[in-house]
Protein backbone atom coordinates (compact mmCIF):
# COMPACT_ATOMS: atom_id res chain seq x y z
CA UNK A 1 146.59 113.38 49.74
CA UNK A 2 146.07 116.97 51.71
CA UNK A 3 148.39 120.08 51.37
CA UNK A 4 149.54 122.22 53.96
CA UNK A 5 151.30 125.47 52.59
CA UNK A 6 153.39 127.62 54.57
CA UNK A 7 153.84 131.49 53.48
CA UNK A 8 156.15 133.94 54.66
CA UNK A 9 157.66 137.05 52.74
CA UNK A 10 160.91 135.63 51.34
CA UNK A 11 160.50 132.00 51.49
CA UNK A 12 164.16 132.04 52.96
CA UNK A 13 163.65 131.05 56.16
CA UNK A 14 160.73 130.59 58.43
CA UNK A 15 158.35 128.95 56.14
CA UNK A 16 161.22 126.65 54.76
CA UNK A 17 162.07 125.67 58.18
CA UNK A 18 158.33 124.57 58.75
CA UNK A 19 157.98 122.84 55.38
CA UNK A 20 161.14 120.71 56.52
CA UNK A 21 159.72 119.71 59.89
CA UNK A 22 156.38 119.12 58.61
CA UNK A 23 157.72 116.75 55.90
CA UNK A 24 159.60 114.96 58.57
CA UNK A 25 156.89 114.46 61.23
CA UNK A 26 153.57 114.45 59.11
CA UNK A 27 152.32 111.36 57.49
CA UNK A 28 152.89 110.58 54.24
CA UNK A 29 149.60 111.43 52.77
CA UNK A 30 149.83 115.00 53.82
CA UNK A 31 152.28 117.10 51.79
CA UNK A 32 153.70 120.42 52.75
CA UNK A 33 154.57 123.41 50.31
CA UNK A 34 156.21 126.59 51.26
CA UNK A 35 156.05 129.78 49.43
CA UNK A 36 156.73 133.63 49.68
CA UNK A 37 154.73 136.74 48.40
CA UNK A 38 158.41 138.15 47.76
CA UNK A 39 160.88 135.36 47.21
CA UNK A 40 164.45 135.81 48.17
CA UNK A 41 167.45 134.35 45.44
CA UNK A 42 168.41 131.77 48.01
CA UNK A 43 167.56 130.26 51.33
CA UNK A 44 169.60 132.45 54.34
CA UNK A 45 172.90 130.76 55.02
CA UNK A 46 172.39 130.84 58.92
CA UNK A 47 168.81 128.76 58.31
CA UNK A 48 170.75 126.16 56.36
CA UNK A 49 173.47 126.10 59.01
CA UNK A 50 170.85 125.97 61.74
CA UNK A 51 169.03 123.24 60.11
CA UNK A 52 171.86 121.12 59.05
CA UNK A 53 172.44 120.81 62.96
CA UNK A 54 169.36 118.81 63.21
CA UNK A 55 169.83 116.76 60.04
CA UNK A 56 168.08 118.54 57.40
CA UNK A 57 169.73 119.74 54.56
CA UNK A 58 168.17 122.83 53.03
CA UNK A 59 171.46 123.93 50.60
CA UNK A 60 169.56 122.69 47.42
CA UNK A 61 166.06 124.28 48.33
CA UNK A 62 165.32 127.31 46.42
CA UNK A 63 162.55 130.04 47.54
CA UNK A 64 159.45 129.74 45.42
CA UNK A 65 156.75 132.53 44.69
CA UNK A 66 153.34 132.32 46.12
CA UNK A 67 150.88 131.41 43.05
CA UNK A 68 147.20 131.28 42.87
CA UNK A 69 147.27 127.48 41.85
CA UNK A 70 149.09 127.04 45.51
CA UNK A 71 146.49 128.86 47.45
CA UNK A 72 143.42 127.07 45.67
CA UNK A 73 144.83 123.57 46.41
CA UNK A 74 146.22 124.17 50.18
CA UNK A 75 143.81 122.32 52.64
CA UNK A 76 145.55 124.45 55.62
CA UNK A 77 147.87 127.57 55.62
CA UNK A 78 150.06 128.98 58.13
CA UNK A 79 151.37 132.60 57.72
CA UNK A 80 154.45 133.53 59.60
CA UNK A 81 155.13 137.08 60.92
CA UNK A 82 154.47 139.05 57.56
CA UNK A 83 151.31 140.72 58.69
CA UNK A 84 149.59 142.61 55.99
CA UNK A 85 152.25 141.71 53.55
CA UNK A 86 150.94 138.09 53.48
CA UNK A 87 148.28 137.45 50.88
CA UNK A 88 144.82 136.09 51.68
CA UNK A 89 144.92 132.48 51.32
CA UNK A 90 141.53 130.87 51.25
CA UNK A 91 142.16 127.90 53.16
CA UNK A 92 142.02 127.45 57.08
CA UNK A 93 144.80 130.13 57.90
CA UNK A 94 146.82 129.90 61.13
CA UNK A 95 149.37 132.85 61.93
CA UNK A 96 152.22 132.06 63.61
CA UNK A 97 154.25 134.97 65.29
CA UNK A 98 157.80 134.06 64.31
CA UNK A 99 160.72 136.55 64.11
CA UNK A 100 162.50 136.56 60.75
CA UNK A 101 166.16 135.25 61.11
CA UNK A 102 167.39 136.46 58.04
CA UNK A 103 170.01 139.01 60.04
CA UNK A 104 170.11 137.41 63.16
CA UNK A 105 172.96 135.33 64.81
CA UNK A 106 173.04 131.71 64.79
CA UNK A 107 172.16 131.33 68.40
CA UNK A 108 168.92 133.32 67.98
CA UNK A 109 168.30 131.32 64.80
CA UNK A 110 168.38 128.13 66.71
CA UNK A 111 165.63 129.14 68.94
CA UNK A 112 163.37 130.24 66.24
CA UNK A 113 164.17 126.75 64.68
CA UNK A 114 163.11 125.19 67.66
CA UNK A 115 160.11 127.26 68.13
CA UNK A 116 158.89 126.27 64.28
CA UNK A 117 159.34 122.79 65.27
CA UNK A 118 157.37 122.88 68.15
CA UNK A 119 154.58 124.75 66.21
CA UNK A 120 154.56 122.05 63.71
CA UNK A 121 154.33 119.42 66.48
CA UNK A 122 151.35 121.13 67.91
CA UNK A 123 149.71 121.79 64.22
CA UNK A 124 149.99 117.94 63.73
CA UNK A 125 148.74 117.04 67.45
CA UNK A 126 145.89 119.55 67.51
CA UNK A 127 144.61 119.85 63.69
CA UNK A 128 145.50 116.81 61.71
CA UNK A 129 142.30 115.60 61.57
CA UNK A 130 140.74 119.03 60.70
CA UNK A 131 143.06 119.30 57.86
CA UNK A 132 141.93 115.73 56.39
CA UNK A 133 138.38 116.63 56.79
CA UNK A 134 138.52 120.18 55.19
CA UNK A 135 137.06 120.65 52.22
CA UNK A 136 137.59 124.26 51.48
CA UNK A 137 140.26 123.79 48.72
CA UNK A 138 137.92 121.51 46.61
CA UNK A 139 135.22 123.87 47.01
CA UNK A 140 137.12 126.78 45.98
CA UNK A 141 138.51 124.68 43.08
CA UNK A 142 134.66 123.74 42.20
CA UNK A 143 133.48 127.23 42.37
CA UNK A 144 136.07 128.46 40.03
CA UNK A 145 135.38 125.81 37.57
CA UNK A 146 131.55 125.90 37.37
CA UNK A 147 131.30 129.48 35.44
CA UNK A 148 133.23 128.10 32.65
CA UNK A 149 131.54 124.76 32.20
CA UNK A 150 128.21 126.28 32.73
CA UNK A 151 128.96 128.93 29.91
CA UNK A 152 130.10 126.07 27.26
CA UNK A 153 127.45 123.51 28.21
CA UNK A 154 124.72 125.59 30.33
CA UNK A 155 122.32 125.22 27.50
CA UNK A 156 122.58 121.43 27.34
CA UNK A 157 122.90 120.10 30.80
CA UNK A 158 121.31 121.04 34.12
CA UNK A 159 122.65 123.11 36.78
CA UNK A 160 122.60 119.70 38.93
CA UNK A 161 124.28 117.67 35.95
CA UNK A 162 127.26 120.18 35.91
CA UNK A 163 127.73 120.49 39.37
CA UNK A 164 127.88 116.95 40.24
CA UNK A 165 130.24 115.79 37.09
CA UNK A 166 132.80 118.75 38.04
CA UNK A 167 132.87 117.61 41.72
CA UNK A 168 133.25 113.95 40.64
CA UNK A 169 136.11 115.06 38.17
CA UNK A 170 137.86 117.31 40.28
CA UNK A 171 137.78 114.86 43.40
CA UNK A 172 139.91 112.74 41.03
CA UNK A 173 142.73 115.45 40.93
CA UNK A 174 142.79 115.70 44.78
CA UNK A 175 145.90 113.62 45.10
CA UNK A 176 147.46 115.42 41.92
CA UNK A 177 151.11 116.01 42.67
CA UNK A 178 151.81 118.73 39.83
CA UNK A 179 148.92 120.90 39.78
CA UNK A 180 149.42 123.94 37.92
CA UNK A 181 147.02 122.91 34.94
CA UNK A 182 144.39 120.99 37.08
CA UNK A 183 141.88 123.49 36.16
CA UNK A 184 142.34 123.34 32.69
CA UNK A 185 142.38 119.57 32.50
CA UNK A 186 139.37 119.25 34.60
CA UNK A 187 137.23 121.67 32.44
CA UNK A 188 138.15 119.36 29.21
CA UNK A 189 137.41 116.00 31.37
CA UNK A 190 133.85 117.36 32.48
CA UNK A 191 133.18 118.49 29.06
CA UNK A 192 133.95 115.50 27.71
CA UNK A 193 132.24 113.33 30.49
CA UNK A 194 128.96 115.11 30.04
CA UNK A 195 129.16 115.22 26.31
CA UNK A 196 129.56 111.42 26.29
CA UNK A 197 127.10 110.88 29.12
CA UNK A 198 129.46 109.11 31.12
CA UNK A 199 129.02 111.35 34.43
CA UNK A 200 127.15 109.26 37.01
């Protein structure tokens, strides 16, 4: 499973639209998430209206705050129109220059909706293979895991053993749908695997 992350300021318009179109158009083994640095309380009503016109219901969606875990697990990221307010996302990042629809009339929001849909289609046409092949997210998780494992087991196992086992264990969580505690669980699994002598 691969993960594409869409980020804007409030996660109430642009990034919600992008996630919805991505989920509609992308293969089943590539999943989209969206988040905002300062999430609003609800998706903008005008955005819900515009998306309903194309058969997508956003009325039950809720803006989500961008977390470190989301960033660590993103294989590709897209930021939209938030400039310096957008955080550093350590995966491959594209910037889409898309206007914030929050205060715009429905006619303009339709144009933004269609613009984002085309961006999503272009992303899938031009970069889907890159998304599958990119190992940035896995490598970032590995580099965050290694210091803790070294501290616990560095006097008993070589750097090569620790890295190989950590790499193997983390790979098993690449398809995890709930990833909030993956690093903690992976640390436990690596410790148990090395101690029991089960790591290949």
